[in-house]
Amino acid sequence: MNTENFLKSLFIIKEYVKKTDAPVYKLSNIREKDPFKILVSTVLSLRTRDVITKEVTEKLFSIINSPHEVLKIGKSKIEEMIKKVGFYKNKAKTIFELSSFLVENYNGEVPDEFEILLKVKGIGRKTATLVMIEAFDKDYICVDTHVHRISNRLGIVNTKKPYETERLLMQRVPKEYWKMINISLVAFGQTLCNNRPKCYDCPVNTLCEYDGKRLKNLKNKVYNSKVV
């Protein structure tokens, strides 16, 4: 897929997902463009189903809203609050340590510099880019499992790792469209283009390379089944 068709697909997907009830929209409302809440919710989302992330994030933010409050209630209480997410002990430790870092170095504020965030233990590219986009309105591409999967299915990239996807998307997609990629493709992945994509209902199946290959394989199977 070339850049022109990817952008066509992206805008169609953007309009399509507006009519859905994707968990990413609810989670976005919970974190309220607050840099710290975005940090914490993204940490919680790693290797955890979207609906569980939303539930646990909502529960946690009912008692904490800042790094200072995390340090006040302690790591064991954080563990107790987030038990439903995967690797909850490691995530509680990460949340506590990043809170300590922010309090000690930035008076509890989240810095708006990408490279600084990457220095915080437990913060990776996905988390840092999402903070840059949602909290500080900066031009980055956040590649999570949905963005990685759908970008490869559409055919704009052919990559094995999310970082490779991020790098190639930044090369092939004009900067002014970077910020819309995550929210649109995540919502699309949560509602239609998941691990069992509903290609027949897809609004971009005529542009998508994955659906083209799937239909070609299906036709070959039908043809071969008739061969005596």
Protein backbone atom coordinates (compact mmCIF):
# COMPACT_ATOMS: atom_id res chain seq x y z
CA MET A 1 0.00 0.00 0.00
CA ASN A 2 1.32 3.43 -0.90
CA THR A 3 1.05 6.53 1.28
CA GLU A 4 -1.93 7.91 -0.65
CA ASN A 5 -4.01 4.79 -0.07
CA PHE A 6 -2.92 4.57 3.56
CA LEU A 7 -4.15 8.11 4.18
CA LYS A 8 -7.42 7.33 2.40
CA SER A 9 -7.81 4.29 4.65
CA LEU A 10 -6.88 6.27 7.75
CA PHE A 11 -9.54 8.93 7.15
CA ILE A 12 -12.20 6.31 6.39
CA ILE A 13 -11.25 4.43 9.57
CA LYS A 14 -11.28 7.65 11.59
CA GLU A 15 -14.89 8.32 10.57
CA TYR A 16 -15.93 4.71 11.03
CA VAL A 17 -14.62 4.38 14.62
CA LYS A 18 -16.40 7.56 15.71
CA LYS A 19 -19.61 5.54 15.57
CA THR A 20 -18.22 2.73 17.75
CA ASP A 21 -17.99 2.21 21.47
CA ALA A 22 -14.26 1.47 21.50
CA PRO A 23 -12.68 1.20 24.99
CA VAL A 24 -9.91 3.61 23.97
CA TYR A 25 -12.40 6.50 23.92
CA LYS A 26 -13.61 5.72 27.43
CA LEU A 27 -10.04 5.40 28.67
CA SER A 28 -9.17 8.72 27.06
CA ASN A 29 -11.99 10.36 29.02
CA ILE A 30 -10.75 8.84 32.27
CA ARG A 31 -7.20 10.16 31.91
CA GLU A 32 -8.39 13.63 30.87
CA LYS A 33 -5.22 14.56 28.93
CA ASP A 34 -3.40 14.51 32.27
CA PRO A 35 0.27 13.52 31.62
CA PHE A 36 0.56 11.49 34.83
CA LYS A 37 -2.70 9.63 34.25
CA ILE A 38 -1.65 8.84 30.69
CA LEU A 39 1.67 7.49 32.00
CA VAL A 40 0.00 5.28 34.59
CA SER A 41 -2.82 4.00 32.36
CA THR A 42 -0.34 3.08 29.62
CA VAL A 43 1.80 1.15 32.09
CA LEU A 44 -1.33 -0.71 33.21
CA SER A 45 -2.33 -1.50 29.60
CA LEU A 46 0.78 -3.54 28.77
CA ARG A 47 -0.21 -7.17 28.12
CA THR A 48 -3.67 -6.51 29.48
CA ARG A 49 -7.04 -6.57 27.70
CA ASP A 50 -8.47 -3.16 26.93
CA VAL A 51 -11.63 -3.62 28.98
CA ILE A 52 -9.59 -4.63 32.05
CA THR A 53 -7.26 -1.65 31.60
CA LYS A 54 -10.26 0.69 31.59
CA GLU A 55 -11.79 -0.92 34.69
CA VAL A 56 -8.57 -0.90 36.73
CA THR A 57 -7.55 2.59 35.61
CA GLU A 58 -10.90 3.99 36.63
CA LYS A 59 -10.65 2.29 40.03
CA LEU A 60 -7.08 3.50 40.65
CA PHE A 61 -7.79 7.10 39.67
CA SER A 62 -10.65 7.19 42.13
CA ILE A 63 -8.04 7.36 44.91
CA ILE A 64 -4.86 8.75 43.29
CA ASN A 65 -4.37 11.66 40.88
CA SER A 66 -0.70 12.57 41.29
CA PRO A 67 2.75 11.11 42.01
CA HIS A 68 2.58 12.56 45.53
CA GLU A 69 -0.60 10.57 46.23
CA VAL A 70 1.02 7.37 44.93
CA LEU A 71 3.92 7.78 47.36
CA LYS A 72 1.47 8.54 50.16
CA ILE A 73 -0.57 5.32 49.80
CA GLY A 74 2.47 3.10 49.06
CA LYS A 75 3.33 0.31 46.63
CA SER A 76 1.39 -2.46 48.44
CA LYS A 77 -1.85 -0.48 48.13
CA ILE A 78 -1.20 0.06 44.41
CA GLU A 79 -0.72 -3.71 44.03
CA GLU A 80 -4.01 -4.33 45.74
CA MET A 81 -5.82 -1.87 43.48
CA ILE A 82 -4.46 -3.22 40.17
CA LYS A 83 -4.51 -6.99 40.74
CA LYS A 84 -6.65 -7.65 37.66
CA VAL A 85 -3.98 -6.48 35.20
CA GLY A 86 -1.19 -8.72 33.99
CA PHE A 87 2.12 -8.57 35.88
CA TYR A 88 0.49 -6.34 38.49
CA LYS A 89 3.40 -6.51 40.95
CA ASN A 90 5.91 -5.30 38.37
CA LYS A 91 3.50 -2.58 37.24
CA ALA A 92 2.90 -1.41 40.81
CA LYS A 93 6.66 -1.18 41.27
CA THR A 94 7.00 0.80 38.02
CA ILE A 95 4.21 3.22 39.01
CA PHE A 96 5.77 3.75 42.43
CA GLU A 97 9.29 4.26 41.01
CA LEU A 98 8.21 6.66 38.27
CA SER A 99 6.22 8.62 40.88
CA SER A 100 9.34 8.85 43.06
CA PHE A 101 11.37 10.01 40.06
CA LEU A 102 8.87 12.73 39.18
CA VAL A 103 8.60 13.97 42.77
CA GLU A 104 12.36 14.00 43.33
CA ASN A 105 13.33 15.55 40.01
CA TYR A 106 10.34 17.50 38.67
CA ASN A 107 8.25 18.40 41.71
CA GLY A 108 5.69 15.79 40.65
CA GLU A 109 5.25 17.19 37.13
CA VAL A 110 5.68 15.08 33.99
CA PRO A 111 8.35 16.60 31.70
CA ASP A 112 7.30 17.33 28.13
CA GLU A 113 10.54 15.98 26.65
CA PHE A 114 10.50 12.57 25.00
CA GLU A 115 14.10 11.63 25.73
CA ILE A 116 13.73 12.46 29.44
CA LEU A 117 10.69 10.20 29.75
CA LEU A 118 12.64 7.33 28.18
CA LYS A 119 15.18 7.60 30.99
CA VAL A 120 12.53 6.76 33.58
CA LYS A 121 12.71 3.09 34.52
CA GLY A 122 9.71 1.21 33.16
CA ILE A 123 8.81 3.81 30.52
CA GLY A 124 9.19 2.67 26.92
CA ARG A 125 8.58 4.27 23.53
CA LYS A 126 4.87 3.40 23.45
CA THR A 127 4.22 5.15 26.76
CA ALA A 128 6.45 8.14 26.04
CA THR A 129 5.00 8.77 22.58
CA LEU A 130 1.43 8.55 23.88
CA VAL A 131 2.19 11.15 26.55
CA MET A 132 3.74 13.44 23.94
CA ILE A 133 0.64 13.12 21.73
CA GLU A 134 -2.21 13.20 24.23
CA ALA A 135 -0.82 15.42 26.96
CA PHE A 136 1.41 17.82 25.05
CA ASP A 137 -0.10 17.72 21.53
CA LYS A 138 3.26 16.93 19.92
CA ASP A 139 3.80 15.15 16.62
CA TYR A 140 4.69 11.53 17.36
CA ILE A 141 3.41 8.11 16.32
CA CYS A 142 2.47 5.78 19.15
CA VAL A 143 2.72 2.16 18.01
CA ASP A 144 0.99 -0.39 20.19
CA THR A 145 -0.13 -3.90 19.23
CA HIS A 146 -3.17 -2.58 17.31
CA VAL A 147 -1.22 -0.01 15.28
CA HIS A 148 1.52 -2.53 14.55
CA ARG A 149 -0.94 -5.23 13.43
CA ILE A 150 -3.20 -3.01 11.31
CA SER A 151 -0.35 -1.11 9.63
CA ASN A 152 1.06 -4.45 8.49
CA ARG A 153 -2.34 -5.72 7.38
CA LEU A 154 -3.03 -2.61 5.35
CA GLY A 155 0.38 -2.98 3.75
CA ILE A 156 1.94 0.41 4.49
CA VAL A 157 4.72 -1.50 6.31
CA ASN A 158 6.06 -5.04 6.45
CA THR A 159 7.69 -5.28 9.87
CA LYS A 160 8.21 -7.66 12.77
CA LYS A 161 8.65 -5.21 15.64
CA PRO A 162 6.68 -2.12 16.76
CA TYR A 163 9.78 0.10 16.68
CA GLU A 164 10.32 -0.80 13.01
CA THR A 165 6.68 0.07 12.32
CA GLU A 166 7.07 3.42 14.07
CA ARG A 167 10.21 4.27 12.12
CA LEU A 168 8.73 3.38 8.72
CA LEU A 169 5.43 5.15 9.38
CA MET A 170 7.36 8.30 10.27
CA GLN A 171 9.17 8.03 6.94
CA ARG A 172 6.08 7.34 4.84
CA VAL A 173 3.33 9.39 6.46
CA PRO A 174 3.37 13.22 6.47
CA LYS A 175 3.95 14.62 9.95
CA GLU A 176 0.59 16.38 10.17
CA TYR A 177 -1.16 12.99 10.23
CA TRP A 178 1.02 11.26 12.84
CA LYS A 179 -1.14 12.06 15.87
CA MET A 180 -4.33 10.62 14.42
CA ILE A 181 -2.81 7.21 13.69
CA ASN A 182 -2.90 5.79 17.22
CA ILE A 183 -6.40 6.74 18.32
CA SER A 184 -7.93 5.72 14.97
CA LEU A 185 -6.16 2.38 14.56
CA VAL A 186 -6.48 1.42 18.23
CA ALA A 187 -10.25 1.98 18.11
CA PHE A 188 -10.39 0.07 14.82
CA GLY A 189 -8.41 -2.81 16.31
CA GLN A 190 -10.65 -2.94 19.37
CA THR A 191 -13.86 -3.08 17.36
CA LEU A 192 -13.30 -4.61 13.91
CA CYS A 193 -9.72 -5.38 12.87
CA ASN A 194 -8.79 -7.59 15.82
CA ASN A 195 -7.14 -11.02 15.90
CA ARG A 196 -10.14 -12.31 13.97
CA PRO A 197 -10.72 -9.44 11.54
CA LYS A 198 -14.23 -8.95 10.18
CA CYS A 199 -13.03 -8.26 6.65
CA TYR A 200 -16.47 -8.48 5.04
CA ASP A 201 -17.68 -5.61 7.21
CA CYS A 202 -14.51 -3.55 6.84
CA PRO A 203 -14.90 -0.06 5.33
CA VAL A 204 -11.43 -0.22 3.74
CA ASN A 205 -11.40 -3.81 2.46
CA THR A 206 -11.06 -2.62 -1.14
CA LEU A 207 -7.82 -0.84 -0.23
CA CYS A 208 -6.44 -3.32 2.30
CA GLU A 209 -3.70 -5.70 1.16
CA TYR A 210 -4.55 -8.24 3.86
CA ASP A 211 -8.12 -8.61 2.63
CA GLY A 212 -6.88 -8.84 -0.95
CA LYS A 213 -4.56 -11.70 -0.02
CA ARG A 214 -7.30 -13.40 2.01
CA LEU A 215 -9.75 -13.29 -0.89
CA LYS A 216 -7.10 -14.55 -3.29
CA ASN A 217 -6.33 -17.51 -1.00
CA LEU A 218 -10.03 -18.23 -0.63
CA LYS A 219 -10.51 -18.26 -4.41
CA ASN A 220 -7.51 -20.58 -4.80
CA LYS A 221 -8.95 -22.97 -2.23
CA VAL A 222 -12.30 -23.03 -4.03
CA TYR A 223 -10.60 -23.52 -7.39
CA ASN A 224 -8.31 -26.30 -6.11
CA SER A 225 -11.22 -28.07 -4.44
CA LYS A 226 -12.84 -28.43 -7.87
CA VAL A 227 -9.75 -29.88 -9.51
CA VAL A 228 -10.04 -33.68 -10.01
